[in-house]
Amino acid sequence: MRFRPSPRQLEYFVALAESLHFGRAAESCHVSQPTLSSQFKLLEDQLGSALLERGGGGIALTAAGERLLPLARQALENLDEIVTAAQAGQANLGGLIRLGVSPTFGPYFLPRLLPALKRDFPDLELYIREDRPKSLEAGLASGNFDCILTPDILPSEQWTARILCREQVLLAVPKTHPLADLAVVPVALLKGEKLLALGQGFRLYDDVQALARASGADLRQDYEGTSLDALRQMASIGMGLALFPAAYIASEFGKEPDLLLKQVEGMSMQRLIYLVWRRGSSRSAHFEKLLVLALQTVEGMNVAGVSAETG
């Protein structure tokens, strides 16, 4: 009979690939290091290919290991989905959801959603991780996430993407800036202005790039923020103008006395937030229920500039 790796062997391989340390991998798998080492060596022997390079400087994935790692993760997820499908009638959305969220939306929406989730699905375990949208998509494709909340995802045959809400994006201008007295800022008046941006991998970085191209503004290359809070503080001391989404504004701008928020005339300053999962997932019904609850949460937020997409 053709050799097939056991689930345990695949778990050991994934743990080693993520930690690059035999001791830590064994600890995360709740086995002794000799057990993990012997089973992993047996896996390599049975496959006829080395998956790790071992040396005095540590361990690293071989080219074969790099190729097989996403397949191992997917195989383990498929086994999880077999169990989930068998328990699909349970009323707790499968028992566990690994949710990836964008840091420009998740922290300002989840505190409103989580109480409703706890109320309706008290036995649901929720694992949440924040990351840049492009990393979230990679994590979803590899099986690290079950679903993600992310802005403006590109269409793909890989995904089922459902719109959660439409969110307005506004330009923050210091109160002492020459543009501060304008109710709406014409895009042409931004020529030569310095624009601050989050780092690459954030969709807001792409939005700032588009605004810079359209207006002739200068995108500051010497500073890329990693959080909206840092960006707000930089803008408040006059280091540049910046874009902020509505949910963040509602949560954090009450404590910001030095910035005014402006619409930009001639630019579509909004973004769509999606709940996304892998197309064909056996858990699609769970995520549809999660979406319904998330839509109800958006409708109850009563936040200016954030509107549920119920159509």
Protein backbone atom coordinates (compact mmCIF):
# COMPACT_ATOMS: atom_id res chain seq x y z
CA MET A 1 0.00 0.00 0.00
CA ARG A 2 1.26 3.48 -0.85
CA PHE A 3 2.70 5.39 2.11
CA ARG A 4 0.56 8.14 3.63
CA PRO A 5 1.83 10.42 6.41
CA SER A 6 -0.13 10.20 9.64
CA PRO A 7 -1.87 13.30 11.03
CA ARG A 8 0.57 13.26 13.96
CA GLN A 9 3.56 13.28 11.62
CA LEU A 10 2.10 16.23 9.74
CA GLU A 11 1.45 18.07 13.02
CA TYR A 12 5.08 17.52 14.04
CA PHE A 13 6.27 18.81 10.65
CA VAL A 14 4.12 21.96 10.83
CA ALA A 15 5.19 22.61 14.44
CA LEU A 16 8.86 22.27 13.48
CA ALA A 17 8.42 24.51 10.44
CA GLU A 18 6.79 27.22 12.58
CA SER A 19 9.20 27.10 15.53
CA LEU A 20 12.44 25.86 13.86
CA HIS A 21 13.25 24.31 17.23
CA PHE A 22 12.76 20.66 18.25
CA GLY A 23 12.19 21.43 21.92
CA ARG A 24 9.56 24.11 21.33
CA ALA A 25 7.85 22.01 18.67
CA ALA A 26 7.62 19.05 21.04
CA GLU A 27 6.22 21.28 23.77
CA SER A 28 3.55 22.71 21.46
CA CYS A 29 2.55 19.16 20.42
CA HIS A 30 2.55 17.94 24.06
CA VAL A 31 5.03 15.13 23.41
CA SER A 32 8.61 14.46 24.42
CA GLN A 33 11.38 15.71 22.17
CA PRO A 34 12.69 12.16 21.43
CA THR A 35 9.19 11.10 20.34
CA LEU A 36 8.83 14.08 18.00
CA SER A 37 12.36 13.67 16.63
CA SER A 38 11.97 9.95 15.90
CA GLN A 39 8.57 10.34 14.27
CA PHE A 40 9.76 13.25 12.15
CA LYS A 41 12.85 11.29 11.05
CA LEU A 42 10.57 8.39 10.15
CA LEU A 43 8.43 10.78 8.06
CA GLU A 44 11.49 11.98 6.14
CA ASP A 45 12.67 8.38 5.59
CA GLN A 46 9.25 7.27 4.37
CA LEU A 47 8.96 10.27 2.03
CA GLY A 48 12.51 9.77 0.83
CA SER A 49 13.21 13.48 1.16
CA ALA A 50 14.79 15.72 3.80
CA LEU A 51 12.35 18.40 4.98
CA LEU A 52 14.73 20.19 7.35
CA GLU A 53 18.38 21.16 7.22
CA ARG A 54 20.08 20.58 10.55
CA GLY A 55 23.28 22.42 11.37
CA GLY A 56 25.24 24.06 14.14
CA GLY A 57 23.46 27.35 13.50
CA GLY A 58 19.99 25.84 13.90
CA ILE A 59 17.48 24.27 11.56
CA ALA A 60 15.77 25.52 8.39
CA LEU A 61 13.31 24.22 5.83
CA THR A 62 14.74 22.59 2.73
CA ALA A 63 13.29 23.34 -0.69
CA ALA A 64 11.20 20.17 -0.37
CA GLY A 65 10.03 21.29 3.06
CA GLU A 66 8.94 24.67 1.66
CA ARG A 67 6.92 22.90 -1.06
CA LEU A 68 5.26 20.42 1.31
CA LEU A 69 4.45 22.78 4.21
CA PRO A 70 1.29 24.36 2.69
CA LEU A 71 0.12 20.87 1.65
CA ALA A 72 0.62 19.59 5.19
CA ARG A 73 -1.35 22.52 6.63
CA GLN A 74 -4.14 21.95 4.12
CA ALA A 75 -4.27 18.23 4.87
CA LEU A 76 -4.64 18.93 8.60
CA GLU A 77 -7.35 21.48 7.91
CA ASN A 78 -9.20 18.97 5.73
CA LEU A 79 -9.15 16.50 8.60
CA ASP A 80 -10.51 19.21 10.90
CA GLU A 81 -13.26 19.93 8.40
CA ILE A 82 -14.27 16.25 8.34
CA VAL A 83 -14.95 16.49 12.06
CA THR A 84 -16.64 19.86 11.65
CA ALA A 85 -18.89 18.57 8.88
CA ALA A 86 -19.94 15.66 11.10
CA GLN A 87 -20.86 18.16 13.81
CA ALA A 88 -22.45 20.70 11.47
CA GLY A 89 -25.78 20.41 13.25
CA GLN A 90 -24.34 21.78 16.46
CA ALA A 91 -25.46 25.27 17.44
CA ASN A 92 -22.01 26.74 18.16
CA LEU A 93 -20.68 27.49 14.64
CA GLY A 94 -18.46 24.42 14.67
CA GLY A 95 -16.97 25.07 18.09
CA LEU A 96 -13.93 27.09 16.97
CA ILE A 97 -13.36 29.90 14.49
CA ARG A 98 -9.86 31.16 13.72
CA LEU A 99 -10.55 34.72 12.61
CA GLY A 100 -8.02 37.04 11.00
CA VAL A 101 -8.78 40.77 11.15
CA SER A 102 -7.26 43.90 9.71
CA PRO A 103 -5.83 46.17 12.46
CA THR A 104 -7.45 49.18 10.77
CA PHE A 105 -10.96 47.73 11.33
CA GLY A 106 -10.98 44.77 13.71
CA PRO A 107 -10.09 46.56 16.98
CA TYR A 108 -12.88 49.11 16.44
CA PHE A 109 -15.55 46.59 15.37
CA LEU A 110 -14.89 43.40 17.35
CA PRO A 111 -15.66 44.94 20.79
CA ARG A 112 -19.18 45.48 19.44
CA LEU A 113 -19.48 42.05 17.79
CA LEU A 114 -18.00 39.80 20.47
CA PRO A 115 -20.72 40.32 23.13
CA ALA A 116 -23.36 39.30 20.58
CA LEU A 117 -21.32 36.23 19.59
CA LYS A 118 -20.95 35.24 23.24
CA ARG A 119 -24.68 35.72 23.77
CA ASP A 120 -25.82 33.70 20.74
CA PHE A 121 -23.03 31.08 20.69
CA PRO A 122 -21.81 30.71 24.29
CA ASP A 123 -19.74 27.57 23.54
CA LEU A 124 -17.92 29.06 20.56
CA GLU A 125 -14.16 29.44 20.91
CA LEU A 126 -12.76 32.34 18.92
CA TYR A 127 -9.09 32.68 18.04
CA ILE A 128 -8.37 36.19 16.73
CA ARG A 129 -5.21 37.51 15.11
CA GLU A 130 -4.57 40.95 13.60
CA ASP A 131 -2.40 41.28 10.51
CA ARG A 132 -2.02 43.28 7.30
CA PRO A 133 -4.60 42.37 4.64
CA LYS A 134 -2.11 40.69 2.32
CA SER A 135 -0.86 38.53 5.18
CA LEU A 136 -4.45 37.71 6.15
CA GLU A 137 -5.14 36.47 2.62
CA ALA A 138 -1.99 34.33 2.66
CA GLY A 139 -3.01 32.92 6.06
CA LEU A 140 -6.49 32.12 4.78
CA ALA A 141 -5.10 30.36 1.72
CA SER A 142 -2.69 28.28 3.82
CA GLY A 143 -5.35 27.27 6.35
CA ASN A 144 -4.09 29.34 9.28
CA PHE A 145 -7.43 31.18 9.35
CA ASP A 146 -10.96 29.91 8.85
CA CYS A 147 -12.20 33.33 7.74
CA ILE A 148 -10.98 36.93 7.72
CA LEU A 149 -12.37 40.45 8.05
CA THR A 150 -10.49 42.59 5.54
CA PRO A 151 -10.96 45.72 3.39
CA ASP A 152 -11.26 45.83 -0.40
CA ILE A 153 -10.19 42.28 -1.24
CA LEU A 154 -9.62 41.52 -4.92
CA PRO A 155 -11.97 38.99 -6.56
CA SER A 156 -10.57 35.46 -6.67
CA GLU A 157 -11.77 31.93 -7.41
CA GLN A 158 -10.21 30.98 -4.07
CA TRP A 159 -12.62 32.98 -1.94
CA THR A 160 -16.20 33.48 -1.01
CA ALA A 161 -16.23 37.20 -0.14
CA ARG A 162 -19.33 38.77 1.39
CA ILE A 163 -19.58 42.54 1.91
CA LEU A 164 -20.10 43.45 5.55
CA CYS A 165 -20.15 47.24 5.38
CA ARG A 166 -19.16 50.36 3.50
CA GLU A 167 -16.84 52.67 5.42
CA GLN A 168 -16.07 56.31 4.67
CA VAL A 169 -12.44 57.45 4.67
CA LEU A 170 -11.62 61.05 5.64
CA LEU A 171 -8.57 63.29 5.43
CA ALA A 172 -7.14 64.56 8.72
CA VAL A 173 -5.79 68.13 8.63
CA PRO A 174 -4.16 70.00 11.54
CA LYS A 175 -6.23 72.93 12.86
CA THR A 176 -3.40 75.30 11.99
CA HIS A 177 -3.14 74.12 8.36
CA PRO A 178 -4.18 76.47 5.50
CA LEU A 179 -6.81 73.90 4.43
CA ALA A 180 -8.44 73.80 7.87
CA ASP A 181 -11.12 76.38 7.04
CA LEU A 182 -12.45 74.46 4.02
CA ALA A 183 -15.55 72.31 4.52
CA VAL A 184 -14.48 70.07 1.62
CA VAL A 185 -10.93 69.92 0.23
CA PRO A 186 -10.64 69.99 -3.59
CA VAL A 187 -8.20 67.33 -4.67
CA ALA A 188 -6.18 69.90 -6.67
CA LEU A 189 -5.35 71.85 -3.48
CA LEU A 190 -3.40 68.88 -2.13
CA LYS A 191 -0.65 69.37 -4.71
CA GLY A 192 2.69 69.56 -2.92
CA GLU A 193 1.24 68.51 0.45
CA LYS A 194 2.99 65.74 2.39
CA LEU A 195 0.91 62.60 2.95
CA LEU A 196 1.56 60.08 5.69
CA ALA A 197 0.75 56.41 5.11
CA LEU A 198 0.63 53.05 6.84
CA GLY A 199 3.23 50.58 5.60
CA GLN A 200 2.95 48.49 2.46
CA GLY A 201 0.56 45.58 2.80
CA PHE A 202 -2.20 47.82 4.17
CA ARG A 203 -4.98 48.83 1.79
CA LEU A 204 -4.88 52.37 3.22
CA TYR A 205 -1.33 52.60 1.86
CA ASP A 206 -2.77 51.97 -1.61
CA ASP A 207 -5.45 54.62 -0.99
CA VAL A 208 -2.83 57.21 -0.05
CA GLN A 209 -0.81 56.31 -3.15
CA ALA A 210 -3.89 56.86 -5.31
CA LEU A 211 -4.59 60.21 -3.66
CA ALA A 212 -0.97 61.30 -4.15
CA ARG A 213 -1.09 60.39 -7.85
CA ALA A 214 -4.42 62.16 -8.40
CA SER A 215 -3.49 65.35 -6.56
CA GLY A 216 0.26 65.73 -7.02
CA ALA A 217 0.81 65.40 -3.27
CA ASP A 218 4.04 63.91 -1.96
CA LEU A 219 3.85 60.51 -0.26
CA ARG A 220 6.41 60.64 2.54
CA GLN A 221 8.93 57.89 1.89
CA ASP A 222 10.84 58.43 5.14
CA TYR A 223 7.96 57.33 7.36
CA GLU A 224 5.54 54.41 7.12
CA GLY A 225 3.31 53.96 10.15
CA THR A 226 2.39 50.59 11.63
CA SER A 227 -0.75 51.76 13.44
CA LEU A 228 -3.48 54.33 12.99
CA ASP A 229 -2.71 55.75 16.44
CA ALA A 230 0.89 56.48 15.42
CA LEU A 231 -0.32 58.02 12.18
CA ARG A 232 -2.79 60.25 14.04
CA GLN A 233 -0.11 61.47 16.42
CA MET A 234 2.28 62.25 13.54
CA ALA A 235 -0.43 64.19 11.70
CA SER A 236 -1.38 66.12 14.84
CA ILE A 237 2.13 67.59 15.13
CA GLY A 238 2.16 68.72 11.51
CA MET A 239 4.31 66.04 9.90
CA GLY A 240 1.77 65.48 7.13
CA LEU A 241 -1.84 64.83 6.25
CA ALA A 242 -3.32 61.35 6.69
CA LEU A 243 -6.37 59.23 5.84
CA PHE A 244 -8.52 57.57 8.52
CA PRO A 245 -11.51 55.19 8.24
CA ALA A 246 -14.81 55.96 9.95
CA ALA A 247 -14.83 53.19 12.60
CA TYR A 248 -11.42 54.31 13.84
CA ILE A 249 -12.55 57.95 13.82
CA ALA A 250 -15.61 57.12 15.92
CA SER A 251 -13.49 55.20 18.42
CA GLU A 252 -10.38 57.37 18.74
CA PHE A 253 -10.86 60.91 17.45
CA GLY A 254 -12.83 62.06 20.48
CA LYS A 255 -9.46 62.40 22.22
CA GLU A 256 -7.82 64.30 19.33
CA PRO A 257 -8.16 68.10 19.68
CA ASP A 258 -5.60 69.10 17.06
CA LEU A 259 -6.99 67.53 13.85
CA LEU A 260 -10.00 68.29 11.67
CA LEU A 261 -11.56 65.72 9.36
CA LYS A 262 -12.32 66.62 5.74
CA GLN A 263 -13.90 65.04 2.71
CA VAL A 264 -11.83 65.22 -0.48
CA GLU A 265 -13.74 66.50 -3.48
CA GLY A 266 -13.22 64.51 -6.65
CA MET A 267 -12.08 61.26 -4.97
CA SER A 268 -14.09 58.19 -3.96
CA MET A 269 -13.04 58.13 -0.31
CA GLN A 270 -14.58 54.93 0.98
CA ARG A 271 -13.77 51.27 1.35
CA LEU A 272 -15.68 48.01 1.59
CA ILE A 273 -15.12 45.58 4.46
CA TYR A 274 -15.56 41.90 3.61
CA LEU A 275 -15.96 38.66 5.53
CA VAL A 276 -14.01 36.12 3.48
CA TRP A 277 -13.60 32.34 3.61
CA ARG A 278 -12.30 29.65 1.27
CA ARG A 279 -14.68 28.79 -1.56
CA GLY A 280 -16.23 25.36 -1.09
CA SER A 281 -15.49 25.19 2.63
CA SER A 282 -17.68 22.72 4.51
CA ARG A 283 -18.14 25.49 7.09
CA SER A 284 -19.76 28.00 4.73
CA ALA A 285 -23.04 27.80 6.67
CA HIS A 286 -21.19 28.78 9.86
CA PHE A 287 -19.64 31.82 8.22
CA GLU A 288 -22.94 32.89 6.70
CA LYS A 289 -24.42 32.89 10.22
CA LEU A 290 -21.43 34.87 11.47
CA LEU A 291 -21.99 37.37 8.67
CA VAL A 292 -25.67 37.80 9.63
CA LEU A 293 -24.69 38.58 13.21
CA ALA A 294 -21.92 40.94 12.05
CA LEU A 295 -24.39 42.79 9.78
CA GLN A 296 -26.80 43.18 12.69
CA THR A 297 -23.92 44.58 14.74
CA VAL A 298 -23.04 47.14 12.04
CA GLU A 299 -26.69 48.21 11.82
CA GLY A 300 -26.76 48.75 15.59
CA MET A 301 -23.49 50.69 15.76
CA ASN A 302 -24.96 54.03 14.68
CA VAL A 303 -21.52 55.24 13.60
CA ALA A 304 -21.31 58.01 11.00
CA GLY A 305 -19.66 56.80 7.83
CA VAL A 306 -20.20 53.07 8.49
CA SER A 307 -23.20 51.44 6.77
CA ALA A 308 -24.18 47.79 6.47
CA GLU A 309 -24.45 46.30 2.99
CA THR A 310 -27.70 44.38 3.31
CA GLY A 311 -28.47 44.17 -0.40
